[in-house]
């Protein structure tokens, strides 16, 4: 289990752009929220850059991170996702990130970073500055998680209709965006699901592609040791009714018969994106309708 480090009073928060170009209006809205938290906010130098579908060149995006590390920032919130993190994986200062107990907040493309970094310190799958932070409930939840107020308490409570298979178990949380997870298979950053509670979400994928990705995970034996499967939103997956129906069938089919499966929790690409601690140990108790962060 990873170490939990709460956000210290007046600790600086860095805003980085390792993926796609950042919408300036959405960035401003998110920064306005962040600046009410009472922490210095440090901005990466490439936040306004655009190089086709990236927030600047690989060098600029990497330098945006390292320059804030050099200023003493240890908690980072990504500006947005998109694509670009996997281009940097071979060049990131992994040992420094671990030695300095760096914590990252993000989702979508940031899935590629959250899981490898969670081996030493708990990371946070949650809203990004220009992607969800402006929503008050998302911002408050993220602040509560960062400050440790949910430690030892439920992080999700859900109705019976969200349970596809009952069970009670505990394990360390891994996961994030399904397509990013599948893209990491066969790389040094492939996720290990053995004895883990897996969280999954996806956006803008039709049923056949959801099927293909889950089949890939099953055929690669990735899911054979899963302790529980907790699913967030399937945002903008069309046709919606078919996606939801097929998704429910697929995730039950993909997991062993004794594995609890819960769906439709408010995290991922939907408007409600409640922060989830990656690398934390949680208890899944479907009869109580809760996923709780174990202290």
C-alpha atoms as a PDB file:
ATOM      1  CA  UNK A   1       0.000   0.000   0.000  1.00  0.00           C
ATOM      2  CA  UNK A   2       1.264   3.477  -0.885  1.00  0.00           C
ATOM      3  CA  UNK A   3       2.015   6.192   1.638  1.00  0.00           C
ATOM      4  CA  UNK A   4      -0.629   8.880   2.101  1.00  0.00           C
ATOM      5  CA  UNK A   5       0.641  12.474   2.238  1.00  0.00           C
ATOM      6  CA  UNK A   6      -1.933  15.178   2.972  1.00  0.00           C
ATOM      7  CA  UNK A   7      -1.632  18.591   1.392  1.00  0.00           C
ATOM      8  CA  UNK A   8       0.256  20.810   3.824  1.00  0.00           C
ATOM      9  CA  UNK A   9      -1.016  24.300   4.732  1.00  0.00           C
ATOM     10  CA  UNK A  10       0.270  26.834   2.203  1.00  0.00           C
ATOM     11  CA  UNK A  11       1.971  24.109   0.152  1.00  0.00           C
ATOM     12  CA  UNK A  12       2.331  25.251  -3.475  1.00  0.00           C
ATOM     13  CA  UNK A  13       0.219  23.556  -6.145  1.00  0.00           C
ATOM     14  CA  UNK A  14       1.617  23.275  -9.646  1.00  0.00           C
ATOM     15  CA  UNK A  15      -0.486  23.311 -12.820  1.00  0.00           C
ATOM     16  CA  UNK A  16       1.085  21.343 -15.677  1.00  0.00           C
ATOM     17  CA  UNK A  17       0.163  20.516 -19.273  1.00  0.00           C
ATOM     18  CA  UNK A  18       1.633  17.179 -20.356  1.00  0.00           C
ATOM     19  CA  UNK A  19      -1.066  16.306 -22.886  1.00  0.00           C
ATOM     20  CA  UNK A  20      -3.317  18.296 -25.236  1.00  0.00           C
ATOM     21  CA  UNK A  21      -3.521  22.088 -25.752  1.00  0.00           C
ATOM     22  CA  UNK A  22      -5.382  23.938 -23.028  1.00  0.00           C
ATOM     23  CA  UNK A  23      -8.512  26.049 -23.579  1.00  0.00           C
ATOM     24  CA  UNK A  24      -7.652  29.446 -22.010  1.00  0.00           C
ATOM     25  CA  UNK A  25     -11.209  30.154 -20.862  1.00  0.00           C
ATOM     26  CA  UNK A  26     -11.604  26.799 -19.129  1.00  0.00           C
ATOM     27  CA  UNK A  27      -8.141  27.192 -17.623  1.00  0.00           C
ATOM     28  CA  UNK A  28      -9.046  30.601 -16.220  1.00  0.00           C
ATOM     29  CA  UNK A  29     -12.261  29.202 -14.703  1.00  0.00           C
ATOM     30  CA  UNK A  30     -10.379  26.384 -12.997  1.00  0.00           C
ATOM     31  CA  UNK A  31      -7.579  28.648 -11.785  1.00  0.00           C
ATOM     32  CA  UNK A  32     -10.155  30.976 -10.230  1.00  0.00           C
ATOM     33  CA  UNK A  33     -11.332  28.059  -8.088  1.00  0.00           C
ATOM     34  CA  UNK A  34      -7.833  26.874  -7.245  1.00  0.00           C
ATOM     35  CA  UNK A  35      -6.768  30.329  -6.137  1.00  0.00           C
ATOM     36  CA  UNK A  36      -9.450  30.345  -3.405  1.00  0.00           C
ATOM     37  CA  UNK A  37      -7.799  27.401  -1.634  1.00  0.00           C
ATOM     38  CA  UNK A  38      -5.120  29.428   0.124  1.00  0.00           C
ATOM     39  CA  UNK A  39      -2.151  27.819  -1.637  1.00  0.00           C
ATOM     40  CA  UNK A  40       0.407  29.442  -3.934  1.00  0.00           C
ATOM     41  CA  UNK A  41      -0.322  28.356  -7.533  1.00  0.00           C
ATOM     42  CA  UNK A  42       2.652  27.748  -9.814  1.00  0.00           C
ATOM     43  CA  UNK A  43       2.025  27.602 -13.569  1.00  0.00           C
ATOM     44  CA  UNK A  44       4.050  25.576 -16.080  1.00  0.00           C
ATOM     45  CA  UNK A  45       5.563  27.674 -18.853  1.00  0.00           C
ATOM     46  CA  UNK A  46       3.886  25.703 -21.651  1.00  0.00           C
ATOM     47  CA  UNK A  47       0.250  26.140 -20.562  1.00  0.00           C
ATOM     48  CA  UNK A  48      -0.466  28.448 -23.510  1.00  0.00           C
ATOM     49  CA  UNK A  49       1.549  26.435 -26.043  1.00  0.00           C
ATOM     50  CA  UNK A  50       0.085  24.419 -28.903  1.00  0.00           C
ATOM     51  CA  UNK A  51       1.897  22.076 -31.251  1.00  0.00           C
ATOM     52  CA  UNK A  52      -0.863  20.427 -33.309  1.00  0.00           C
ATOM     53  CA  UNK A  53      -2.703  18.167 -30.807  1.00  0.00           C
ATOM     54  CA  UNK A  54      -0.186  18.746 -27.981  1.00  0.00           C
ATOM     55  CA  UNK A  55       0.433  21.490 -25.418  1.00  0.00           C
ATOM     56  CA  UNK A  56       3.774  22.260 -26.991  1.00  0.00           C
ATOM     57  CA  UNK A  57       6.658  20.054 -28.057  1.00  0.00           C
ATOM     58  CA  UNK A  58       7.706  17.040 -26.009  1.00  0.00           C
ATOM     59  CA  UNK A  59      10.618  19.100 -24.686  1.00  0.00           C
ATOM     60  CA  UNK A  60       8.359  22.015 -23.683  1.00  0.00           C
ATOM     61  CA  UNK A  61       5.857  19.787 -21.906  1.00  0.00           C
ATOM     62  CA  UNK A  62       8.602  17.978 -20.014  1.00  0.00           C
ATOM     63  CA  UNK A  63      10.315  21.254 -19.119  1.00  0.00           C
ATOM     64  CA  UNK A  64       6.987  22.567 -17.794  1.00  0.00           C
ATOM     65  CA  UNK A  65       7.068  19.792 -15.217  1.00  0.00           C
ATOM     66  CA  UNK A  66      10.755  19.953 -14.316  1.00  0.00           C
ATOM     67  CA  UNK A  67      10.804  23.728 -13.908  1.00  0.00           C
ATOM     68  CA  UNK A  68       8.088  23.464 -11.258  1.00  0.00           C
ATOM     69  CA  UNK A  69       9.931  20.603  -9.546  1.00  0.00           C
ATOM     70  CA  UNK A  70      12.959  22.884  -9.382  1.00  0.00           C
ATOM     71  CA  UNK A  71      10.777  25.497  -7.657  1.00  0.00           C
ATOM     72  CA  UNK A  72       9.890  22.993  -4.944  1.00  0.00           C
ATOM     73  CA  UNK A  73       6.409  21.996  -6.110  1.00  0.00           C
ATOM     74  CA  UNK A  74       5.405  18.484  -5.021  1.00  0.00           C
ATOM     75  CA  UNK A  75       1.638  18.502  -5.699  1.00  0.00           C
ATOM     76  CA  UNK A  76       0.546  18.891  -9.307  1.00  0.00           C
ATOM     77  CA  UNK A  77      -2.840  19.180 -10.967  1.00  0.00           C
ATOM     78  CA  UNK A  78      -2.909  18.570 -14.709  1.00  0.00           C
ATOM     79  CA  UNK A  79      -4.562  21.243 -16.825  1.00  0.00           C
ATOM     80  CA  UNK A  80      -6.314  18.712 -19.081  1.00  0.00           C
ATOM     81  CA  UNK A  81      -5.959  15.302 -20.719  1.00  0.00           C
ATOM     82  CA  UNK A  82      -6.189  14.398 -24.379  1.00  0.00           C
ATOM     83  CA  UNK A  83      -2.997  12.756 -25.597  1.00  0.00           C
ATOM     84  CA  UNK A  84       0.708  13.197 -24.990  1.00  0.00           C
ATOM     85  CA  UNK A  85       1.752  11.639 -21.676  1.00  0.00           C
ATOM     86  CA  UNK A  86       2.829   8.325 -23.194  1.00  0.00           C
ATOM     87  CA  UNK A  87       5.221  10.207 -25.501  1.00  0.00           C
ATOM     88  CA  UNK A  88       7.107  11.334 -22.389  1.00  0.00           C
ATOM     89  CA  UNK A  89       7.192   8.116 -20.369  1.00  0.00           C
ATOM     90  CA  UNK A  90      10.736   7.149 -21.370  1.00  0.00           C
ATOM     91  CA  UNK A  91      12.032  10.612 -20.546  1.00  0.00           C
ATOM     92  CA  UNK A  92      10.353  11.415 -17.249  1.00  0.00           C
ATOM     93  CA  UNK A  93      12.573  11.755 -14.137  1.00  0.00           C
ATOM     94  CA  UNK A  94      10.947   8.759 -12.433  1.00  0.00           C
ATOM     95  CA  UNK A  95      13.453   8.420  -9.606  1.00  0.00           C
ATOM     96  CA  UNK A  96      13.208  12.096  -8.744  1.00  0.00           C
ATOM     97  CA  UNK A  97       9.408  11.986  -8.819  1.00  0.00           C
ATOM     98  CA  UNK A  98       9.440   9.077  -6.376  1.00  0.00           C
ATOM     99  CA  UNK A  99      12.227  10.380  -4.145  1.00  0.00           C
ATOM    100  CA  UNK A 100      10.494  13.733  -3.774  1.00  0.00           C
ATOM    101  CA  UNK A 101       7.078  12.122  -3.090  1.00  0.00           C
ATOM    102  CA  UNK A 102       5.393  13.903  -5.979  1.00  0.00           C
ATOM    103  CA  UNK A 103       1.613  13.672  -6.079  1.00  0.00           C
ATOM    104  CA  UNK A 104      -0.403  14.165  -9.281  1.00  0.00           C
ATOM    105  CA  UNK A 105      -4.085  14.879  -9.837  1.00  0.00           C
ATOM    106  CA  UNK A 106      -5.643  14.038 -13.197  1.00  0.00           C
ATOM    107  CA  UNK A 107      -7.609  11.523 -15.231  1.00  0.00           C
ATOM    108  CA  UNK A 108      -7.985  10.396 -18.851  1.00  0.00           C
ATOM    109  CA  UNK A 109      -4.495  10.610 -20.446  1.00  0.00           C
ATOM    110  CA  UNK A 110      -2.966  11.035 -16.973  1.00  0.00           C
ATOM    111  CA  UNK A 111      -3.909   7.407 -16.192  1.00  0.00           C
ATOM    112  CA  UNK A 112      -0.522   6.522 -17.686  1.00  0.00           C
ATOM    113  CA  UNK A 113       1.250   8.448 -14.890  1.00  0.00           C
ATOM    114  CA  UNK A 114      -1.031   7.954 -11.899  1.00  0.00           C
ATOM    115  CA  UNK A 115      -0.521   4.214 -11.641  1.00  0.00           C
ATOM    116  CA  UNK A 116       3.289   3.997 -11.880  1.00  0.00           C
ATOM    117  CA  UNK A 117       3.646   6.866  -9.405  1.00  0.00           C
ATOM    118  CA  UNK A 118       1.207   5.264  -6.952  1.00  0.00           C
ATOM    119  CA  UNK A 119       3.781   2.635  -6.023  1.00  0.00           C
ATOM    120  CA  UNK A 120       5.298   5.053  -3.506  1.00  0.00           C
ATOM    121  CA  UNK A 121       2.664   7.685  -2.713  1.00  0.00           C
ATOM    122  CA  UNK A 122      -1.106   7.829  -3.218  1.00  0.00           C
ATOM    123  CA  UNK A 123      -2.058   9.639  -6.425  1.00  0.00           C
ATOM    124  CA  UNK A 124      -5.457  11.141  -7.260  1.00  0.00           C
ATOM    125  CA  UNK A 125      -7.730  10.319 -10.190  1.00  0.00           C
ATOM    126  CA  UNK A 126      -9.824  13.447 -10.326  1.00  0.00           C
ATOM    127  CA  UNK A 127     -10.812  16.699 -12.036  1.00  0.00           C
ATOM    128  CA  UNK A 128      -8.216  18.807 -13.807  1.00  0.00           C
ATOM    129  CA  UNK A 129      -7.890  22.571 -13.795  1.00  0.00           C
ATOM    130  CA  UNK A 130      -9.434  23.089 -17.241  1.00  0.00           C
ATOM    131  CA  UNK A 131     -11.499  19.888 -17.128  1.00  0.00           C
ATOM    132  CA  UNK A 132     -13.966  19.711 -14.267  1.00  0.00           C
ATOM    133  CA  UNK A 133     -12.441  21.738 -11.434  1.00  0.00           C
ATOM    134  CA  UNK A 134     -14.813  24.656 -12.043  1.00  0.00           C
ATOM    135  CA  UNK A 135     -17.741  22.473 -10.911  1.00  0.00           C
ATOM    136  CA  UNK A 136     -18.132  23.190  -7.159  1.00  0.00           C
ATOM    137  CA  UNK A 137     -18.859  19.597  -6.076  1.00  0.00           C
ATOM    138  CA  UNK A 138     -15.803  18.322  -7.961  1.00  0.00           C
ATOM    139  CA  UNK A 139     -13.568  21.008  -6.462  1.00  0.00           C
ATOM    140  CA  UNK A 140     -14.780  20.427  -2.906  1.00  0.00           C
ATOM    141  CA  UNK A 141     -14.352  16.667  -3.199  1.00  0.00           C
ATOM    142  CA  UNK A 142     -10.820  17.061  -4.545  1.00  0.00           C
ATOM    143  CA  UNK A 143      -9.910  19.459  -1.741  1.00  0.00           C
ATOM    144  CA  UNK A 144     -11.343  17.027   0.829  1.00  0.00           C
ATOM    145  CA  UNK A 145      -9.286  14.157  -0.603  1.00  0.00           C
ATOM    146  CA  UNK A 146      -6.091  16.215  -0.810  1.00  0.00           C
ATOM    147  CA  UNK A 147      -6.452  17.303   2.801  1.00  0.00           C
ATOM    148  CA  UNK A 148      -7.160  13.764   4.015  1.00  0.00           C
ATOM    149  CA  UNK A 149     -10.727  14.331   5.213  1.00  0.00           C
ATOM    150  CA  UNK A 150     -12.011  11.103   3.596  1.00  0.00           C
ATOM    151  CA  UNK A 151      -9.344   8.849   5.083  1.00  0.00           C
ATOM    152  CA  UNK A 152     -11.140   6.071   6.978  1.00  0.00           C
ATOM    153  CA  UNK A 153     -14.516   7.039   5.494  1.00  0.00           C
ATOM    154  CA  UNK A 154     -16.646   6.067   2.474  1.00  0.00           C
ATOM    155  CA  UNK A 155     -15.453   7.594  -0.786  1.00  0.00           C
ATOM    156  CA  UNK A 156     -18.529   6.320  -2.642  1.00  0.00           C
ATOM    157  CA  UNK A 157     -21.983   5.245  -1.499  1.00  0.00           C
ATOM    158  CA  UNK A 158     -24.295   3.749  -4.109  1.00  0.00           C
ATOM    159  CA  UNK A 159     -27.729   2.154  -4.552  1.00  0.00           C
ATOM    160  CA  UNK A 160     -28.485  -1.532  -5.106  1.00  0.00           C
ATOM    161  CA  UNK A 161     -29.051  -0.933  -8.823  1.00  0.00           C
ATOM    162  CA  UNK A 162     -25.358  -0.096  -9.223  1.00  0.00           C
ATOM    163  CA  UNK A 163     -24.304  -3.567  -8.042  1.00  0.00           C
ATOM    164  CA  UNK A 164     -23.889  -6.150 -10.793  1.00  0.00           C
ATOM    165  CA  UNK A 165     -22.281  -8.743  -8.524  1.00  0.00           C
ATOM    166  CA  UNK A 166     -22.291  -8.659  -4.737  1.00  0.00           C
ATOM    167  CA  UNK A 167     -19.286  -9.256  -2.556  1.00  0.00           C
ATOM    168  CA  UNK A 168     -17.024  -7.854   0.138  1.00  0.00           C
ATOM    169  CA  UNK A 169     -13.283  -7.442  -0.257  1.00  0.00           C
ATOM    170  CA  UNK A 170     -10.442  -5.008   0.125  1.00  0.00           C
ATOM    171  CA  UNK A 171      -7.426  -4.084  -1.959  1.00  0.00           C
ATOM    172  CA  UNK A 172      -5.276  -1.312  -3.350  1.00  0.00           C
ATOM    173  CA  UNK A 173      -6.859   0.864  -6.038  1.00  0.00           C
ATOM    174  CA  UNK A 174      -5.454   0.915  -9.582  1.00  0.00           C
ATOM    175  CA  UNK A 175      -6.954   1.914 -12.919  1.00  0.00           C
ATOM    176  CA  UNK A 176      -8.485   4.853 -14.700  1.00  0.00           C
ATOM    177  CA  UNK A 177      -9.266   5.251 -18.380  1.00  0.00           C
ATOM    178  CA  UNK A 178      -9.845   1.919 -20.129  1.00  0.00           C
ATOM    179  CA  UNK A 179      -8.247   2.789 -23.465  1.00  0.00           C
ATOM    180  CA  UNK A 180      -5.104   4.144 -21.752  1.00  0.00           C
ATOM    181  CA  UNK A 181      -4.844   0.998 -19.642  1.00  0.00           C
ATOM    182  CA  UNK A 182      -5.082  -1.211 -22.726  1.00  0.00           C
ATOM    183  CA  UNK A 183      -2.491   0.906 -24.564  1.00  0.00           C
ATOM    184  CA  UNK A 184       0.037   0.219 -21.782  1.00  0.00           C
ATOM    185  CA  UNK A 185      -0.109  -3.574 -22.149  1.00  0.00           C
ATOM    186  CA  UNK A 186       3.294  -4.829 -23.261  1.00  0.00           C
ATOM    187  CA  UNK A 187       5.110  -1.699 -22.033  1.00  0.00           C
ATOM    188  CA  UNK A 188       7.175  -1.232 -18.847  1.00  0.00           C
ATOM    189  CA  UNK A 189       4.166   0.632 -17.408  1.00  0.00           C
ATOM    190  CA  UNK A 190       1.599  -2.119 -17.874  1.00  0.00           C
ATOM    191  CA  UNK A 191      -0.748  -2.222 -14.880  1.00  0.00           C
ATOM    192  CA  UNK A 192      -0.671  -5.150 -12.470  1.00  0.00           C
ATOM    193  CA  UNK A 193      -4.236  -5.942 -11.370  1.00  0.00           C
ATOM    194  CA  UNK A 194      -3.351  -8.845  -9.072  1.00  0.00           C
ATOM    195  CA  UNK A 195      -5.182  -8.446  -5.742  1.00  0.00           C
ATOM    196  CA  UNK A 196      -6.243  -4.946  -6.756  1.00  0.00           C
ATOM    197  CA  UNK A 197      -9.506  -3.024  -6.744  1.00  0.00           C
ATOM    198  CA  UNK A 198      -9.753  -1.794 -10.334  1.00  0.00           C
ATOM    199  CA  UNK A 199     -11.489   1.463 -11.286  1.00  0.00           C
ATOM    200  CA  UNK A 200     -12.491   1.985 -14.925  1.00  0.00           C
ATOM    201  CA  UNK A 201     -14.118   4.754 -16.958  1.00  0.00           C
ATOM    202  CA  UNK A 202     -14.352   5.633 -20.641  1.00  0.00           C
ATOM    203  CA  UNK A 203     -15.479   8.319 -23.074  1.00  0.00           C
ATOM    204  CA  UNK A 204     -16.838   8.399 -26.642  1.00  0.00           C
ATOM    205  CA  UNK A 205     -16.429   4.702 -27.409  1.00  0.00           C
ATOM    206  CA  UNK A 206     -19.040   2.570 -29.237  1.00  0.00           C
ATOM    207  CA  UNK A 207     -20.013  -0.864 -27.881  1.00  0.00           C
ATOM    208  CA  UNK A 208     -17.750  -2.872 -30.194  1.00  0.00           C
ATOM    209  CA  UNK A 209     -14.675  -0.938 -29.062  1.00  0.00           C
ATOM    210  CA  UNK A 210     -15.555  -1.407 -25.388  1.00  0.00           C
ATOM    211  CA  UNK A 211     -15.902  -5.104 -26.183  1.00  0.00           C
ATOM    212  CA  UNK A 212     -12.548  -5.191 -27.972  1.00  0.00           C
ATOM    213  CA  UNK A 213     -10.676  -3.474 -25.138  1.00  0.00           C
ATOM    214  CA  UNK A 214     -12.153  -5.646 -22.396  1.00  0.00           C
ATOM    215  CA  UNK A 215     -11.524  -8.759 -24.494  1.00  0.00           C
ATOM    216  CA  UNK A 216      -7.891  -7.660 -24.806  1.00  0.00           C
ATOM    217  CA  UNK A 217      -7.618  -7.398 -21.018  1.00  0.00           C
ATOM    218  CA  UNK A 218      -9.165 -10.841 -20.590  1.00  0.00           C
ATOM    219  CA  UNK A 219      -7.008 -12.473 -23.281  1.00  0.00           C
ATOM    220  CA  UNK A 220      -3.853 -10.963 -21.780  1.00  0.00           C
ATOM    221  CA  UNK A 221      -4.865 -12.495 -18.390  1.00  0.00           C
ATOM    222  CA  UNK A 222      -4.787  -9.013 -16.878  1.00  0.00           C
ATOM    223  CA  UNK A 223      -8.056  -9.473 -15.003  1.00  0.00           C
ATOM    224  CA  UNK A 224      -7.398 -12.939 -13.590  1.00  0.00           C
ATOM    225  CA  UNK A 225      -6.368 -11.685 -10.140  1.00  0.00           C
ATOM    226  CA  UNK A 226      -8.722  -8.715  -9.734  1.00  0.00           C
ATOM    227  CA  UNK A 227     -10.321  -8.289  -6.274  1.00  0.00           C
ATOM    228  CA  UNK A 228     -13.159  -5.937  -7.331  1.00  0.00           C
ATOM    229  CA  UNK A 229     -14.202  -3.876 -10.340  1.00  0.00           C
ATOM    230  CA  UNK A 230     -15.576  -0.377  -9.743  1.00  0.00           C
ATOM    231  CA  UNK A 231     -16.804   1.480 -12.823  1.00  0.00           C
ATOM    232  CA  UNK A 232     -17.418   5.167 -13.327  1.00  0.00           C
ATOM    233  CA  UNK A 233     -19.082   6.880 -16.234  1.00  0.00           C
ATOM    234  CA  UNK A 234     -19.282   5.903 -19.878  1.00  0.00           C
ATOM    235  CA  UNK A 235     -19.509   9.490 -21.038  1.00  0.00           C
ATOM    236  CA  UNK A 236     -20.700  10.195 -24.602  1.00  0.00           C
ATOM    237  CA  UNK A 237     -20.571   6.506 -25.518  1.00  0.00           C
ATOM    238  CA  UNK A 238     -23.179   6.076 -28.246  1.00  0.00           C
ATOM    239  CA  UNK A 239     -25.751   4.668 -28.656  1.00  0.00           C
ATOM    240  CA  UNK A 240     -26.089   5.168 -24.909  1.00  0.00           C
ATOM    241  CA  UNK A 241     -28.627   2.454 -24.075  1.00  0.00           C
ATOM    242  CA  UNK A 242     -26.734  -0.166 -26.060  1.00  0.00           C
ATOM    243  CA  UNK A 243     -23.409   0.902 -24.544  1.00  0.00           C
ATOM    244  CA  UNK A 244     -24.708   0.644 -20.996  1.00  0.00           C
ATOM    245  CA  UNK A 245     -26.386  -2.718 -21.571  1.00  0.00           C
ATOM    246  CA  UNK A 246     -23.409  -4.233 -23.348  1.00  0.00           C
ATOM    247  CA  UNK A 247     -20.938  -2.766 -20.836  1.00  0.00           C
ATOM    248  CA  UNK A 248     -22.776  -4.430 -17.949  1.00  0.00           C
ATOM    249  CA  UNK A 249     -22.605  -7.775 -19.726  1.00  0.00           C
ATOM    250  CA  UNK A 250     -18.953  -7.390 -20.668  1.00  0.00           C
ATOM    251  CA  UNK A 251     -17.550  -6.440 -17.292  1.00  0.00           C
ATOM    252  CA  UNK A 252     -19.346  -9.291 -15.536  1.00  0.00           C
ATOM    253  CA  UNK A 253     -18.079 -11.663 -18.227  1.00  0.00           C
ATOM    254  CA  UNK A 254     -14.520 -10.284 -17.905  1.00  0.00           C
ATOM    255  CA  UNK A 255     -14.139 -10.895 -14.161  1.00  0.00           C
ATOM    256  CA  UNK A 256     -14.003 -14.088 -12.056  1.00  0.00           C
ATOM    257  CA  UNK A 257     -17.308 -15.218 -10.543  1.00  0.00           C
ATOM    258  CA  UNK A 258     -16.404 -14.165  -6.984  1.00  0.00           C
ATOM    259  CA  UNK A 259     -15.387 -10.608  -7.870  1.00  0.00           C
ATOM    260  CA  UNK A 260     -17.727  -7.761  -6.792  1.00  0.00           C
ATOM    261  CA  UNK A 261     -18.727  -5.477  -9.669  1.00  0.00           C
ATOM    262  CA  UNK A 262     -20.198  -1.983  -9.234  1.00  0.00           C
ATOM    263  CA  UNK A 263     -21.120   0.447 -12.016  1.00  0.00           C
ATOM    264  CA  UNK A 264     -22.243   4.042 -12.621  1.00  0.00           C
ATOM    265  CA  UNK A 265     -20.248   5.767  -9.899  1.00  0.00           C
ATOM    266  CA  UNK A 266     -19.603   9.499 -10.402  1.00  0.00           C
ATOM    267  CA  UNK A 267     -16.022   9.583 -11.640  1.00  0.00           C
ATOM    268  CA  UNK A 268     -14.551   9.890 -15.116  1.00  0.00           C
ATOM    269  CA  UNK A 269     -15.338  12.111 -18.095  1.00  0.00           C
ATOM    270  CA  UNK A 270     -18.863  13.060 -16.993  1.00  0.00           C
ATOM    271  CA  UNK A 271     -19.773  16.386 -15.400  1.00  0.00           C
ATOM    272  CA  UNK A 272     -19.459  14.842 -11.918  1.00  0.00           C
ATOM    273  CA  UNK A 273     -15.911  13.619 -11.485  1.00  0.00           C
ATOM    274  CA  UNK A 274     -15.287  12.840  -7.833  1.00  0.00           C
ATOM    275  CA  UNK A 275     -11.679  12.268  -6.847  1.00  0.00           C
ATOM    276  CA  UNK A 276     -10.478   8.678  -6.261  1.00  0.00           C
ATOM    277  CA  UNK A 277      -7.222   7.869  -4.408  1.00  0.00           C
ATOM    278  CA  UNK A 278      -5.044   5.638  -6.636  1.00  0.00           C
ATOM    279  CA  UNK A 279      -2.722   3.449  -4.577  1.00  0.00           C
ATOM    280  CA  UNK A 280      -4.900   3.658  -1.447  1.00  0.00           C
ATOM    281  CA  UNK A 281      -6.356   0.570   0.208  1.00  0.00           C
ATOM    282  CA  UNK A 282     -10.137   0.505   0.085  1.00  0.00           C
ATOM    283  CA  UNK A 283     -12.875  -1.825   1.289  1.00  0.00           C
ATOM    284  CA  UNK A 284     -15.674  -2.730  -1.111  1.00  0.00           C
ATOM    285  CA  UNK A 285     -18.853  -3.812   0.688  1.00  0.00           C
ATOM    286  CA  UNK A 286     -21.717  -4.039  -1.786  1.00  0.00           C
ATOM    287  CA  UNK A 287     -24.373  -5.065   0.764  1.00  0.00           C
ATOM    288  CA  UNK A 288     -23.670  -1.788   2.566  1.00  0.00           C
ATOM    289  CA  UNK A 289     -23.390   0.038  -0.745  1.00  0.00           C
ATOM    290  CA  UNK A 290     -20.016   1.577   0.022  1.00  0.00           C
ATOM    291  CA  UNK A 291     -16.420   1.853  -1.087  1.00  0.00           C
ATOM    292  CA  UNK A 292     -14.414   3.067   1.909  1.00  0.00           C
ATOM    293  CA  UNK A 293     -10.861   4.370   2.212  1.00  0.00           C
ATOM    294  CA  UNK A 294      -9.148   2.305   4.879  1.00  0.00           C
ATOM    295  CA  UNK A 295      -6.938   4.247   7.267  1.00  0.00           C
END
